[in-house]
């Protein structure tokens, strides 16, 4: 675990931190850790809001409309690759 020292913290902020920590039943140090952790997590996109590349591309171009492509019928079935045998 790392140690962090906060210098020049004004007395009003320190007093408010002490009061908030007491309300939550934590030490001032634990309250400061919680506040920092929540602030960092709030600034990071959550897994639920993260989109993959394809979804982001789709969202970017969706306002322009879509394109319907006709897919041709297959004329033959695909065959598996033959490894080690000469064609």
C-alpha atoms as a PDB file:
ATOM      1  CA  UNK A   1       0.000   0.000   0.000  1.00  0.00           C
ATOM      2  CA  UNK A   2       1.163   3.490  -0.812  1.00  0.00           C
ATOM      3  CA  UNK A   3       1.254   6.422   1.570  1.00  0.00           C
ATOM      4  CA  UNK A   4      -0.085   9.829   0.585  1.00  0.00           C
ATOM      5  CA  UNK A   5       0.534  13.030   2.511  1.00  0.00           C
ATOM      6  CA  UNK A   6      -1.739  15.995   1.867  1.00  0.00           C
ATOM      7  CA  UNK A   7      -0.113  19.284   2.789  1.00  0.00           C
ATOM      8  CA  UNK A   8      -1.731  22.692   3.214  1.00  0.00           C
ATOM      9  CA  UNK A   9      -5.210  21.299   3.848  1.00  0.00           C
ATOM     10  CA  UNK A  10      -7.213  24.139   5.354  1.00  0.00           C
ATOM     11  CA  UNK A  11      -8.752  23.642   8.788  1.00  0.00           C
ATOM     12  CA  UNK A  12     -12.327  23.979   7.492  1.00  0.00           C
ATOM     13  CA  UNK A  13     -11.878  21.105   5.047  1.00  0.00           C
ATOM     14  CA  UNK A  14     -10.196  18.999   7.713  1.00  0.00           C
ATOM     15  CA  UNK A  15     -13.058  19.675  10.151  1.00  0.00           C
ATOM     16  CA  UNK A  16     -15.669  18.741   7.522  1.00  0.00           C
ATOM     17  CA  UNK A  17     -13.761  15.542   6.756  1.00  0.00           C
ATOM     18  CA  UNK A  18     -13.707  14.679  10.455  1.00  0.00           C
ATOM     19  CA  UNK A  19     -17.481  15.277  10.746  1.00  0.00           C
ATOM     20  CA  UNK A  20     -18.279  13.275   7.603  1.00  0.00           C
ATOM     21  CA  UNK A  21     -16.032  10.416   8.775  1.00  0.00           C
ATOM     22  CA  UNK A  22     -17.800  10.353  12.142  1.00  0.00           C
ATOM     23  CA  UNK A  23     -21.203  10.271  10.418  1.00  0.00           C
ATOM     24  CA  UNK A  24     -20.088   7.233   8.423  1.00  0.00           C
ATOM     25  CA  UNK A  25     -18.421   5.550  11.401  1.00  0.00           C
ATOM     26  CA  UNK A  26     -14.975   5.641   9.783  1.00  0.00           C
ATOM     27  CA  UNK A  27     -11.617   7.134  10.547  1.00  0.00           C
ATOM     28  CA  UNK A  28     -10.610  10.313   8.721  1.00  0.00           C
ATOM     29  CA  UNK A  29      -8.045   8.301   6.787  1.00  0.00           C
ATOM     30  CA  UNK A  30     -10.619   5.724   5.664  1.00  0.00           C
ATOM     31  CA  UNK A  31     -13.062   8.508   4.761  1.00  0.00           C
ATOM     32  CA  UNK A  32     -10.400  10.195   2.601  1.00  0.00           C
ATOM     33  CA  UNK A  33      -9.638   6.845   0.887  1.00  0.00           C
ATOM     34  CA  UNK A  34     -13.342   6.307   0.197  1.00  0.00           C
ATOM     35  CA  UNK A  35     -13.793   9.810  -1.221  1.00  0.00           C
ATOM     36  CA  UNK A  36     -10.766   9.417  -3.509  1.00  0.00           C
ATOM     37  CA  UNK A  37     -11.812   5.931  -4.644  1.00  0.00           C
ATOM     38  CA  UNK A  38     -15.367   7.046  -5.471  1.00  0.00           C
ATOM     39  CA  UNK A  39     -14.117  10.135  -7.322  1.00  0.00           C
ATOM     40  CA  UNK A  40     -11.771   8.042  -9.486  1.00  0.00           C
ATOM     41  CA  UNK A  41     -14.406   5.368 -10.179  1.00  0.00           C
ATOM     42  CA  UNK A  42     -16.967   8.025 -11.148  1.00  0.00           C
ATOM     43  CA  UNK A  43     -14.592   9.444 -13.750  1.00  0.00           C
ATOM     44  CA  UNK A  44     -14.013   6.032 -15.371  1.00  0.00           C
ATOM     45  CA  UNK A  45     -16.554   4.536 -17.758  1.00  0.00           C
ATOM     46  CA  UNK A  46     -18.186   1.492 -16.241  1.00  0.00           C
ATOM     47  CA  UNK A  47     -18.204  -1.880 -17.956  1.00  0.00           C
ATOM     48  CA  UNK A  48     -21.907  -1.411 -18.716  1.00  0.00           C
ATOM     49  CA  UNK A  49     -21.288   1.821 -20.627  1.00  0.00           C
ATOM     50  CA  UNK A  50     -18.169   0.664 -22.449  1.00  0.00           C
ATOM     51  CA  UNK A  51     -18.843  -0.166 -26.066  1.00  0.00           C
ATOM     52  CA  UNK A  52     -16.841  -2.286 -28.394  1.00  0.00           C
ATOM     53  CA  UNK A  53     -15.391  -0.885 -31.603  1.00  0.00           C
ATOM     54  CA  UNK A  54     -18.225  -2.188 -33.781  1.00  0.00           C
ATOM     55  CA  UNK A  55     -20.867  -0.649 -31.505  1.00  0.00           C
ATOM     56  CA  UNK A  56     -19.058   2.704 -31.469  1.00  0.00           C
ATOM     57  CA  UNK A  57     -18.763   2.712 -35.289  1.00  0.00           C
ATOM     58  CA  UNK A  58     -22.452   1.853 -35.597  1.00  0.00           C
ATOM     59  CA  UNK A  59     -23.443   4.625 -33.171  1.00  0.00           C
ATOM     60  CA  UNK A  60     -21.294   7.110 -35.103  1.00  0.00           C
ATOM     61  CA  UNK A  61     -22.832   6.341 -38.509  1.00  0.00           C
ATOM     62  CA  UNK A  62     -26.400   5.408 -37.444  1.00  0.00           C
ATOM     63  CA  UNK A  63     -27.769   8.948 -37.987  1.00  0.00           C
ATOM     64  CA  UNK A  64     -26.925   8.642 -41.696  1.00  0.00           C
ATOM     65  CA  UNK A  65     -29.190   5.614 -42.169  1.00  0.00           C
ATOM     66  CA  UNK A  66     -28.443   2.042 -43.082  1.00  0.00           C
ATOM     67  CA  UNK A  67     -27.862   0.053 -46.236  1.00  0.00           C
ATOM     68  CA  UNK A  68     -29.643  -3.167 -47.094  1.00  0.00           C
ATOM     69  CA  UNK A  69     -27.477  -5.483 -49.150  1.00  0.00           C
ATOM     70  CA  UNK A  70     -28.782  -8.434 -51.126  1.00  0.00           C
ATOM     71  CA  UNK A  71     -26.775 -11.519 -50.357  1.00  0.00           C
ATOM     72  CA  UNK A  72     -26.374 -13.949 -53.249  1.00  0.00           C
ATOM     73  CA  UNK A  73     -27.451 -17.561 -52.755  1.00  0.00           C
ATOM     74  CA  UNK A  74     -24.633 -20.039 -52.297  1.00  0.00           C
ATOM     75  CA  UNK A  75     -24.075 -22.144 -55.337  1.00  0.00           C
ATOM     76  CA  UNK A  76     -21.984 -24.754 -53.520  1.00  0.00           C
ATOM     77  CA  UNK A  77     -21.361 -25.922 -50.012  1.00  0.00           C
ATOM     78  CA  UNK A  78     -18.070 -24.931 -48.384  1.00  0.00           C
ATOM     79  CA  UNK A  79     -15.542 -27.743 -48.032  1.00  0.00           C
ATOM     80  CA  UNK A  80     -13.188 -28.170 -45.103  1.00  0.00           C
ATOM     81  CA  UNK A  81      -9.462 -27.626 -45.611  1.00  0.00           C
ATOM     82  CA  UNK A  82      -7.361 -30.750 -46.132  1.00  0.00           C
ATOM     83  CA  UNK A  83      -4.034 -30.470 -44.306  1.00  0.00           C
ATOM     84  CA  UNK A  84      -1.085 -32.643 -45.212  1.00  0.00           C
ATOM     85  CA  UNK A  85      -2.592 -33.970 -48.421  1.00  0.00           C
ATOM     86  CA  UNK A  86      -1.581 -32.859 -51.911  1.00  0.00           C
ATOM     87  CA  UNK A  87      -4.479 -31.420 -53.966  1.00  0.00           C
END
